[in-house]
Every structure is written in structure tokens, then in C-alpha cells.
């Protein structure tokens, strides 16, 4: 395994970037963009997933990095919840919701893996 020197090297950040771009692609549609509140909330949460990973990476300590990773994980859950509302309002299809939801799930899995790595654990972190 190569040494991680930048936040861009982290798989969890890379997946979070995919998630953020998927959310932006969905929310840029005319029907969705008329709902400025949900659009902004969803875009903000998706951006927070990747931004908190980056910020935590440069925090200078493992406990602080873990704290930021947990915030990132919570933002991914927020994205998942907001995707349901977007589906309920017919801004996106059920298939589109599921695709984006699955990307968020994978980002959370990778974030959990990073938390466990930093803690020196091998099993999944559920807190």
C-alpha cells in the first residue's frame, strides 16, 4: 500500500467527490433547481462529506481526524435522507435516488474503514 500524503489519496474522499458530483448533476435540473432550499441543503450536505474528510486530514491529530470523519459520515446520511424527499417531490426518480444512495452508502463504508484504521481496529465502527 502506498503512503497517503494528501487527502486526495484517500479512497473515502474520492468516493465523497463522486457523491458530491452526482448530487450536483441531479440538482441542476430545472424542476429541482426551483426548490432552492432543498437544492442548497442537498448540495451543502454532499459537499460536507468530502470537505470534512479534507479538513480532518489536515487537523494534526488522529482524534480530531476521527471527529471530522464522523461529521462526514453524518453528512452522507443527511444526503441519503434528503434524496428521499427529492424522490417524494418527483425531482428525481426512484432509480436515481437508489443510485445516489448507494454511492453515499459506499462513502460511509469507506469512512468507517478509515475511522477503524485510525483507531487500530479491524472490525466495523458503528458509533
Protein backbone atom coordinates (compact mmCIF):
# COMPACT_ATOMS: atom_id res chain seq x y z
CA UNK A 1 0.00 0.00 0.00
CA UNK A 2 1.38 3.40 -0.93
CA UNK A 3 1.78 6.14 1.63
CA UNK A 4 -1.07 8.59 1.88
CA UNK A 5 0.36 12.08 1.67
CA UNK A 6 -2.66 14.16 0.63
CA UNK A 7 -6.36 13.99 1.34
CA UNK A 8 -6.88 13.35 -2.36
CA UNK A 9 -5.16 9.98 -1.87
CA UNK A 10 -7.91 8.78 0.49
CA UNK A 11 -10.45 6.42 -1.07
CA UNK A 12 -13.18 7.80 1.18
CA UNK A 13 -12.52 11.34 -0.11
CA UNK A 14 -12.51 10.09 -3.71
CA UNK A 15 -15.89 8.40 -3.22
CA UNK A 16 -17.24 11.51 -1.46
CA UNK A 17 -16.22 13.52 -4.51
CA UNK A 18 -18.17 11.13 -6.74
CA UNK A 19 -21.17 11.58 -4.44
CA UNK A 20 -20.95 15.38 -4.50
CA UNK A 21 -20.80 15.44 -8.29
CA UNK A 22 -23.72 13.00 -8.57
CA UNK A 23 -25.78 15.25 -6.29
CA UNK A 24 -24.88 18.35 -8.28
CA UNK A 25 -25.84 16.58 -11.52
CA UNK A 26 -29.26 15.71 -10.06
CA UNK A 27 -29.92 19.12 -8.52
CA UNK A 28 -29.01 21.16 -11.59
CA UNK A 29 -32.17 20.07 -13.40
CA UNK A 30 -34.72 22.84 -13.96
CA UNK A 31 -37.53 21.25 -11.91
CA UNK A 32 -35.19 20.57 -8.97
CA UNK A 33 -33.46 23.94 -9.16
CA UNK A 34 -36.75 25.74 -8.50
CA UNK A 35 -36.69 24.28 -4.97
CA UNK A 36 -33.78 26.39 -3.80
CA UNK A 37 -33.97 25.28 -0.20
CA UNK A 38 -33.78 21.52 -0.82
CA UNK A 39 -31.29 22.00 -3.64
CA UNK A 40 -28.97 24.04 -1.44
CA UNK A 41 -29.36 21.70 1.52
CA UNK A 42 -28.58 18.64 -0.56
CA UNK A 43 -25.62 20.25 -2.31
CA UNK A 44 -24.28 21.52 1.01
CA UNK A 45 -24.54 18.13 2.69
CA UNK A 46 -22.87 16.39 -0.26
CA UNK A 47 -20.05 18.92 -0.24
CA UNK A 48 -19.64 18.50 3.50
CA UNK A 49 -18.92 14.81 3.08
CA UNK A 50 -15.77 15.48 1.08
CA UNK A 51 -14.82 18.77 2.76
CA UNK A 52 -14.87 17.32 6.27
CA UNK A 53 -12.58 14.50 5.19
CA UNK A 54 -10.14 17.02 3.72
CA UNK A 55 -10.31 19.29 6.75
CA UNK A 56 -9.88 16.41 9.17
CA UNK A 57 -6.90 15.05 7.25
CA UNK A 58 -5.02 18.27 7.99
CA UNK A 59 -6.22 18.54 11.60
CA UNK A 60 -2.94 17.32 13.03
CA UNK A 61 -4.21 14.54 15.31
CA UNK A 62 -5.94 11.18 15.00
CA UNK A 63 -8.75 12.05 17.43
CA UNK A 64 -9.50 15.26 15.56
CA UNK A 65 -9.39 13.48 12.19
CA UNK A 66 -11.81 10.87 13.55
CA UNK A 67 -14.12 13.66 14.72
CA UNK A 68 -14.18 15.15 11.22
CA UNK A 69 -14.72 11.72 9.65
CA UNK A 70 -17.75 11.24 11.87
CA UNK A 71 -19.13 14.59 10.72
CA UNK A 72 -18.53 13.49 7.14
CA UNK A 73 -20.37 10.23 7.76
CA UNK A 74 -23.32 12.12 9.25
CA UNK A 75 -23.43 14.40 6.21
CA UNK A 76 -23.61 11.33 3.97
CA UNK A 77 -26.61 10.15 5.99
CA UNK A 78 -28.17 13.58 5.56
CA UNK A 79 -27.72 13.27 1.80
CA UNK A 80 -29.45 9.89 1.90
CA UNK A 81 -32.41 11.31 3.81
CA UNK A 82 -32.73 14.33 1.52
CA UNK A 83 -32.70 12.05 -1.52
CA UNK A 84 -35.96 10.54 -0.27
CA UNK A 85 -37.56 13.98 -0.13
CA UNK A 86 -36.30 14.73 -3.64
CA UNK A 87 -37.93 11.50 -4.80
CA UNK A 88 -41.15 12.25 -2.92
CA UNK A 89 -41.31 15.65 -4.64
CA UNK A 90 -40.72 13.96 -8.05
CA UNK A 91 -37.47 15.85 -8.65
CA UNK A 92 -35.63 12.56 -9.20
CA UNK A 93 -36.71 9.02 -9.98
CA UNK A 94 -36.55 6.12 -7.55
CA UNK A 95 -33.73 4.62 -9.61
CA UNK A 96 -31.76 7.88 -9.45
CA UNK A 97 -32.34 8.05 -5.71
CA UNK A 98 -31.12 4.49 -5.25
CA UNK A 99 -28.01 5.07 -7.36
CA UNK A 100 -27.00 8.18 -5.39
CA UNK A 101 -27.99 6.50 -2.10
CA UNK A 102 -25.69 3.58 -2.92
CA UNK A 103 -22.77 5.94 -3.59
CA UNK A 104 -23.40 7.56 -0.18
CA UNK A 105 -23.51 4.11 1.43
CA UNK A 106 -20.16 3.23 -0.11
CA UNK A 107 -18.69 6.55 1.04
CA UNK A 108 -19.87 5.79 4.58
CA UNK A 109 -18.35 2.32 4.40
CA UNK A 110 -15.00 3.78 3.36
CA UNK A 111 -15.23 6.47 6.06
CA UNK A 112 -15.90 3.76 8.65
CA UNK A 113 -12.87 1.88 7.36
CA UNK A 114 -10.72 4.98 7.79
CA UNK A 115 -12.02 5.51 11.32
CA UNK A 116 -11.22 1.91 12.18
CA UNK A 117 -7.77 2.20 10.64
CA UNK A 118 -7.02 5.29 12.71
CA UNK A 119 -8.25 3.53 15.83
CA UNK A 120 -6.22 0.43 15.00
CA UNK A 121 -9.35 -1.73 14.71
CA UNK A 122 -10.24 -4.24 12.07
CA UNK A 123 -14.00 -4.50 12.60
CA UNK A 124 -16.71 -2.02 11.56
CA UNK A 125 -17.28 1.09 13.69
CA UNK A 126 -20.96 1.55 14.41
CA UNK A 127 -20.97 4.55 16.74
